[in-house]
PDB file of N, CA and C in Angstrom:
ATOM      1  N   MET A   1       1.003 -13.118  11.518  1.00  0.00           N
ATOM      2  CA  MET A   1       0.811 -11.589  11.563  1.00  0.00           C
ATOM      3  C   MET A   1      -0.338 -10.952  11.395  1.00  0.00           C
ATOM      4  N   ASN A   2      -1.084  -9.789  12.740  1.00  0.00           N
ATOM      5  CA  ASN A   2      -1.812  -9.108  12.282  1.00  0.00           C
ATOM      6  C   ASN A   2      -1.955  -8.280  11.551  1.00  0.00           C
ATOM      7  N   ARG A   3      -2.082  -7.937  10.229  1.00  0.00           N
ATOM      8  CA  ARG A   3      -1.940  -6.866   9.354  1.00  0.00           C
ATOM      9  C   ARG A   3      -3.178  -5.902   8.763  1.00  0.00           C
ATOM     10  N   MET A   4      -2.572  -4.174   8.660  1.00  0.00           N
ATOM     11  CA  MET A   4      -4.175  -3.240   8.617  1.00  0.00           C
ATOM     12  C   MET A   4      -4.308  -4.111   6.847  1.00  0.00           C
ATOM     13  N   THR A   5      -5.548  -3.722   6.652  1.00  0.00           N
ATOM     14  CA  THR A   5      -5.741  -3.883   5.285  1.00  0.00           C
ATOM     15  C   THR A   5      -6.186  -2.653   4.802  1.00  0.00           C
ATOM     16  N   LEU A   6      -6.064  -2.917   3.728  1.00  0.00           N
ATOM     17  CA  LEU A   6      -6.054  -1.496   2.559  1.00  0.00           C
ATOM     18  C   LEU A   6      -7.211  -0.677   2.972  1.00  0.00           C
ATOM     19  N   GLU A   7      -8.336  -1.721   2.976  1.00  0.00           N
ATOM     20  CA  GLU A   7     -10.142  -0.243   3.679  1.00  0.00           C
ATOM     21  C   GLU A   7      -9.551  -0.379   4.773  1.00  0.00           C
ATOM     22  N   GLN A   8      -9.156  -0.952   5.938  1.00  0.00           N
ATOM     23  CA  GLN A   8      -8.865  -0.094   7.370  1.00  0.00           C
ATOM     24  C   GLN A   8      -8.340   1.112   7.075  1.00  0.00           C
ATOM     25  N   MET A   9      -6.847   1.197   6.129  1.00  0.00           N
ATOM     26  CA  MET A   9      -5.656   2.186   6.010  1.00  0.00           C
ATOM     27  C   MET A   9      -7.043   3.637   5.531  1.00  0.00           C
ATOM     28  N   LEU A  10      -7.335   3.081   4.160  1.00  0.00           N
ATOM     29  CA  LEU A  10      -8.559   4.292   3.951  1.00  0.00           C
ATOM     30  C   LEU A  10      -8.959   4.885   4.858  1.00  0.00           C
ATOM     31  N   THR A  11     -10.137   4.112   5.417  1.00  0.00           N
ATOM     32  CA  THR A  11     -11.014   4.307   6.116  1.00  0.00           C
ATOM     33  C   THR A  11     -10.146   5.829   7.045  1.00  0.00           C
ATOM     34  N   GLN A  12      -9.416   5.214   7.672  1.00  0.00           N
ATOM     35  CA  GLN A  12      -8.589   5.590   9.031  1.00  0.00           C
ATOM     36  C   GLN A  12      -7.738   7.226   8.346  1.00  0.00           C
ATOM     37  N   CYS A  13      -7.608   6.849   6.701  1.00  0.00           N
ATOM     38  CA  CYS A  13      -7.341   8.331   6.239  1.00  0.00           C
ATOM     39  C   CYS A  13      -8.466   9.132   6.211  1.00  0.00           C
ATOM     40  N   LEU A  14      -9.917   8.468   5.848  1.00  0.00           N
ATOM     41  CA  LEU A  14     -10.859   9.474   5.920  1.00  0.00           C
ATOM     42  C   LEU A  14     -11.400  10.223   6.841  1.00  0.00           C
ATOM     43  N   HIS A  15     -11.172   9.463   7.891  1.00  0.00           N
ATOM     44  CA  HIS A  15     -11.336  10.079   9.301  1.00  0.00           C
ATOM     45  C   HIS A  15     -10.333  10.329   9.841  1.00  0.00           C
ATOM     46  N   LYS A  16      -9.275  11.276   9.579  1.00  0.00           N
ATOM     47  CA  LYS A  16      -8.123  11.706  10.232  1.00  0.00           C
ATOM     48  C   LYS A  16      -8.298  12.919   8.614  1.00  0.00           C
ATOM     49  N   ASN A  17      -8.976  12.833   7.832  1.00  0.00           N
ATOM     50  CA  ASN A  17      -8.761  13.477   6.784  1.00  0.00           C
ATOM     51  C   ASN A  17      -7.148  14.195   6.094  1.00  0.00           C
ATOM     52  N   VAL A  18      -7.097  12.970   5.773  1.00  0.00           N
ATOM     53  CA  VAL A  18      -5.258  12.631   5.305  1.00  0.00           C
ATOM     54  C   VAL A  18      -5.505  11.604   4.122  1.00  0.00           C
ATOM     55  N   PRO A  19      -4.977  12.449   2.959  1.00  0.00           N
ATOM     56  CA  PRO A  19      -4.766  11.679   1.825  1.00  0.00           C
ATOM     57  C   PRO A  19      -3.677  10.267   1.907  1.00  0.00           C
ATOM     58  N   ALA A  20      -4.282   9.929   1.295  1.00  0.00           N
ATOM     59  CA  ALA A  20      -3.426   8.323   0.875  1.00  0.00           C
ATOM     60  C   ALA A  20      -2.333   8.406  -0.223  1.00  0.00           C
ATOM     61  N   ARG A  21      -1.092   8.478  -0.017  1.00  0.00           N
ATOM     62  CA  ARG A  21      -0.284   8.718  -1.095  1.00  0.00           C
ATOM     63  C   ARG A  21      -0.315   6.705  -1.337  1.00  0.00           C
ATOM     64  N   VAL A  22      -0.028   6.729  -2.871  1.00  0.00           N
ATOM     65  CA  VAL A  22       0.273   5.510  -3.713  1.00  0.00           C
ATOM     66  C   VAL A  22       1.483   5.840  -4.557  1.00  0.00           C
ATOM     67  N   GLN A  23       2.355   4.487  -4.249  1.00  0.00           N
ATOM     68  CA  GLN A  23       3.939   4.921  -5.347  1.00  0.00           C
ATOM     69  C   GLN A  23       3.690   4.073  -5.905  1.00  0.00           C
ATOM     70  N   PRO A  24       3.233   4.259  -7.390  1.00  0.00           N
ATOM     71  CA  PRO A  24       3.865   2.763  -7.708  1.00  0.00           C
ATOM     72  C   PRO A  24       5.302   2.327  -8.076  1.00  0.00           C
ATOM     73  N   VAL A  25       5.902   1.074  -8.302  1.00  0.00           N
ATOM     74  CA  VAL A  25       7.355   0.829  -8.442  1.00  0.00           C
ATOM     75  C   VAL A  25       7.604  -0.447  -9.491  1.00  0.00           C
ATOM     76  N   LEU A  26       8.430  -1.224  -9.850  1.00  0.00           N
ATOM     77  CA  LEU A  26       8.535  -1.727 -10.604  1.00  0.00           C
ATOM     78  C   LEU A  26       9.300  -2.846  -9.386  1.00  0.00           C
ATOM     79  N   GLY A  27       8.664  -4.156  -9.609  1.00  0.00           N
ATOM     80  CA  GLY A  27       9.418  -5.076  -8.564  1.00  0.00           C
ATOM     81  C   GLY A  27      10.425  -5.749  -9.789  1.00  0.00           C
ATOM     82  N   ARG A  28      11.382  -6.638  -8.339  1.00  0.00           N
ATOM     83  CA  ARG A  28      12.434  -7.516  -9.115  1.00  0.00           C
ATOM     84  C   ARG A  28      12.344  -8.265  -9.610  1.00  0.00           C
ATOM     85  N   ASP A  29      10.579  -9.144 -10.093  1.00  0.00           N
ATOM     86  CA  ASP A  29      10.693  -9.907 -10.749  1.00  0.00           C
ATOM     87  C   ASP A  29       9.486  -9.349 -12.291  1.00  0.00           C
ATOM     88  N   GLY A  30       9.735  -7.780 -12.640  1.00  0.00           N
ATOM     89  CA  GLY A  30       9.626  -6.936 -13.132  1.00  0.00           C
ATOM     90  C   GLY A  30       8.163  -6.702 -13.362  1.00  0.00           C
ATOM     91  N   LYS A  31       7.323  -7.243 -12.116  1.00  0.00           N
ATOM     92  CA  LYS A  31       6.065  -6.833 -11.698  1.00  0.00           C
ATOM     93  C   LYS A  31       5.555  -5.623 -11.596  1.00  0.00           C
ATOM     94  N   VAL A  32       5.088  -5.161 -11.587  1.00  0.00           N
ATOM     95  CA  VAL A  32       3.629  -3.318 -11.027  1.00  0.00           C
ATOM     96  C   VAL A  32       3.568  -4.185  -9.469  1.00  0.00           C
ATOM     97  N   GLU A  33       3.959  -2.873  -8.842  1.00  0.00           N
ATOM     98  CA  GLU A  33       3.920  -3.002  -7.585  1.00  0.00           C
ATOM     99  C   GLU A  33       3.517  -1.818  -7.013  1.00  0.00           C
ATOM    100  N   PHE A  34       2.940  -1.650  -5.884  1.00  0.00           N
ATOM    101  CA  PHE A  34       2.823  -0.178  -4.984  1.00  0.00           C
ATOM    102  C   PHE A  34       3.214  -0.193  -3.851  1.00  0.00           C
ATOM    103  N   TYR A  35       2.989   0.878  -3.239  1.00  0.00           N
ATOM    104  CA  TYR A  35       3.230   0.722  -1.747  1.00  0.00           C
ATOM    105  C   TYR A  35       2.046   2.023  -1.218  1.00  0.00           C
ATOM    106  N   ILE A  36       1.452   1.980  -0.358  1.00  0.00           N
ATOM    107  CA  ILE A  36       0.165   2.850  -0.252  1.00  0.00           C
ATOM    108  C   ILE A  36       0.571   3.415   1.577  1.00  0.00           C
ATOM    109  N   HIS A  37       0.481   4.690   1.833  1.00  0.00           N
ATOM    110  CA  HIS A  37       0.194   5.145   2.943  1.00  0.00           C
ATOM    111  C   HIS A  37      -0.056   6.528   3.685  1.00  0.00           C
ATOM    112  N   PRO A  38      -0.360   6.871   4.438  1.00  0.00           N
ATOM    113  CA  PRO A  38      -0.769   8.349   4.716  1.00  0.00           C
ATOM    114  C   PRO A  38       0.503   9.077   4.504  1.00  0.00           C
ATOM    115  N   ASP A  39      -0.263  10.355   3.484  1.00  0.00           N
ATOM    116  CA  ASP A  39       1.020  11.193   3.370  1.00  0.00           C
ATOM    117  C   ASP A  39       0.876  12.166   3.981  1.00  0.00           C
ATOM    118  N   GLY A  40       1.979  12.781   4.827  1.00  0.00           N
ATOM    119  CA  GLY A  40       2.040  13.722   5.438  1.00  0.00           C
ATOM    120  C   GLY A  40       2.089  13.835   7.097  1.00  0.00           C
ATOM    121  N   ALA A  41       1.748  12.299   7.538  1.00  0.00           N
ATOM    122  CA  ALA A  41       1.196  11.752   8.519  1.00  0.00           C
ATOM    123  C   ALA A  41       1.603  10.290   9.071  1.00  0.00           C
ATOM    124  N   ASP A  42       1.682  10.122  10.391  1.00  0.00           N
ATOM    125  CA  ASP A  42       2.477   8.881  10.661  1.00  0.00           C
ATOM    126  C   ASP A  42       0.965   7.503  10.833  1.00  0.00           C
ATOM    127  N   GLY A  43       1.879   6.350  10.264  1.00  0.00           N
ATOM    128  CA  GLY A  43       0.831   5.633   9.917  1.00  0.00           C
ATOM    129  C   GLY A  43       1.286   4.434   9.071  1.00  0.00           C
ATOM    130  N   ALA A  44       0.592   3.274   9.096  1.00  0.00           N
ATOM    131  CA  ALA A  44       1.473   2.170   8.227  1.00  0.00           C
ATOM    132  C   ALA A  44       1.309   2.060   6.834  1.00  0.00           C
ATOM    133  N   THR A  45       2.481   1.366   6.716  1.00  0.00           N
ATOM    134  CA  THR A  45       2.862   1.321   4.886  1.00  0.00           C
ATOM    135  C   THR A  45       2.638  -0.182   4.491  1.00  0.00           C
ATOM    136  N   LEU A  46       1.200  -0.262   3.655  1.00  0.00           N
ATOM    137  CA  LEU A  46       0.650  -1.425   2.901  1.00  0.00           C
ATOM    138  C   LEU A  46       1.607  -1.768   1.512  1.00  0.00           C
ATOM    139  N   ASP A  47       2.077  -2.863   1.288  1.00  0.00           N
ATOM    140  CA  ASP A  47       2.861  -3.248  -0.122  1.00  0.00           C
ATOM    141  C   ASP A  47       2.016  -4.120  -0.983  1.00  0.00           C
ATOM    142  N   PHE A  48       1.831  -4.275  -1.898  1.00  0.00           N
ATOM    143  CA  PHE A  48       1.183  -5.144  -2.827  1.00  0.00           C
ATOM    144  C   PHE A  48       1.773  -4.963  -4.136  1.00  0.00           C
ATOM    145  N   GLN A  49       1.275  -6.458  -5.024  1.00  0.00           N
ATOM    146  CA  GLN A  49       2.028  -6.574  -5.941  1.00  0.00           C
ATOM    147  C   GLN A  49       0.295  -6.704  -7.073  1.00  0.00           C
ATOM    148  N   VAL A  50       0.612  -6.131  -8.074  1.00  0.00           N
ATOM    149  CA  VAL A  50      -0.889  -5.840  -8.976  1.00  0.00           C
ATOM    150  C   VAL A  50      -0.769  -6.510 -10.464  1.00  0.00           C
ATOM    151  N   SER A  51      -1.807  -7.399 -10.630  1.00  0.00           N
ATOM    152  CA  SER A  51      -2.107  -8.402 -11.523  1.00  0.00           C
ATOM    153  C   SER A  51      -3.618  -7.712 -12.214  1.00  0.00           C
ATOM    154  N   ASN A  52      -3.513  -7.316 -13.062  1.00  0.00           N
ATOM    155  CA  ASN A  52      -4.805  -6.223 -13.921  1.00  0.00           C
ATOM    156  C   ASN A  52      -5.617  -6.098 -12.802  1.00  0.00           C
ATOM    157  N   ASN A  53      -6.354  -6.455 -12.393  1.00  0.00           N
ATOM    158  CA  ASN A  53      -7.339  -5.827 -11.490  1.00  0.00           C
ATOM    159  C   ASN A  53      -7.276  -6.431  -9.699  1.00  0.00           C
ATOM    160  N   GLU A  54      -6.185  -7.073 -10.068  1.00  0.00           N
ATOM    161  CA  GLU A  54      -5.955  -7.740  -8.903  1.00  0.00           C
ATOM    162  C   GLU A  54      -4.957  -7.436  -7.659  1.00  0.00           C
ATOM    163  N   LEU A  55      -5.444  -7.177  -6.023  1.00  0.00           N
ATOM    164  CA  LEU A  55      -3.912  -6.916  -5.336  1.00  0.00           C
ATOM    165  C   LEU A  55      -3.469  -8.205  -4.647  1.00  0.00           C
ATOM    166  N   LYS A  56      -2.276  -8.547  -4.741  1.00  0.00           N
ATOM    167  CA  LYS A  56      -1.350  -9.384  -3.776  1.00  0.00           C
ATOM    168  C   LYS A  56      -0.896  -8.781  -2.619  1.00  0.00           C
ATOM    169  N   PRO A  57      -1.472  -9.049  -1.486  1.00  0.00           N
ATOM    170  CA  PRO A  57      -0.564  -8.317   0.108  1.00  0.00           C
ATOM    171  C   PRO A  57       1.261  -8.613  -0.160  1.00  0.00           C
ATOM    172  N   LEU A  58       1.663  -7.946  -0.145  1.00  0.00           N
ATOM    173  CA  LEU A  58       3.088  -8.538   0.082  1.00  0.00           C
ATOM    174  C   LEU A  58       3.604  -8.942   1.088  1.00  0.00           C
ATOM    175  N   ASP A  59       4.694  -9.690   1.857  1.00  0.00           N
ATOM    176  CA  ASP A  59       5.177  -9.335   3.319  1.00  0.00           C
ATOM    177  C   ASP A  59       6.871  -8.509   3.302  1.00  0.00           C
ATOM    178  N   ARG A  60       6.787  -7.710   2.320  1.00  0.00           N
ATOM    179  CA  ARG A  60       8.136  -7.693   1.996  1.00  0.00           C
ATOM    180  C   ARG A  60       7.857  -6.056   1.336  1.00  0.00           C
ATOM    181  N   ALA A  61       8.911  -5.248   1.595  1.00  0.00           N
ATOM    182  CA  ALA A  61       8.437  -3.837   0.536  1.00  0.00           C
ATOM    183  C   ALA A  61       8.426  -3.587  -0.375  1.00  0.00           C
ATOM    184  N   ALA A  62       7.650  -2.989  -0.985  1.00  0.00           N
ATOM    185  CA  ALA A  62       7.357  -2.884  -2.978  1.00  0.00           C
ATOM    186  C   ALA A  62       8.557  -2.601  -3.698  1.00  0.00           C
ATOM    187  N   GLY A  63       8.547  -3.455  -4.719  1.00  0.00           N
ATOM    188  CA  GLY A  63       9.895  -3.497  -5.346  1.00  0.00           C
ATOM    189  C   GLY A  63      11.481  -4.065  -4.459  1.00  0.00           C
ATOM    190  N   GLY A  64      11.449  -4.553  -3.465  1.00  0.00           N
ATOM    191  CA  GLY A  64      12.703  -4.720  -3.018  1.00  0.00           C
ATOM    192  C   GLY A  64      12.535  -6.305  -3.370  1.00  0.00           C
TER     193      GLY A  64
END
């Protein structure tokens, strides 16, 4: 699966002058996760699990 990276999303938001919205959620295993998407505009949603300062991309919806 060819998926947009977080850097690509943020760059796209910068070029379109659209803020990125980050929504933290609690994952099913009790770990902190979040999803990020362009706020008020069409675009991809990316989901990550957080461990300290490391991000792990998820193949499922954060919190799901």
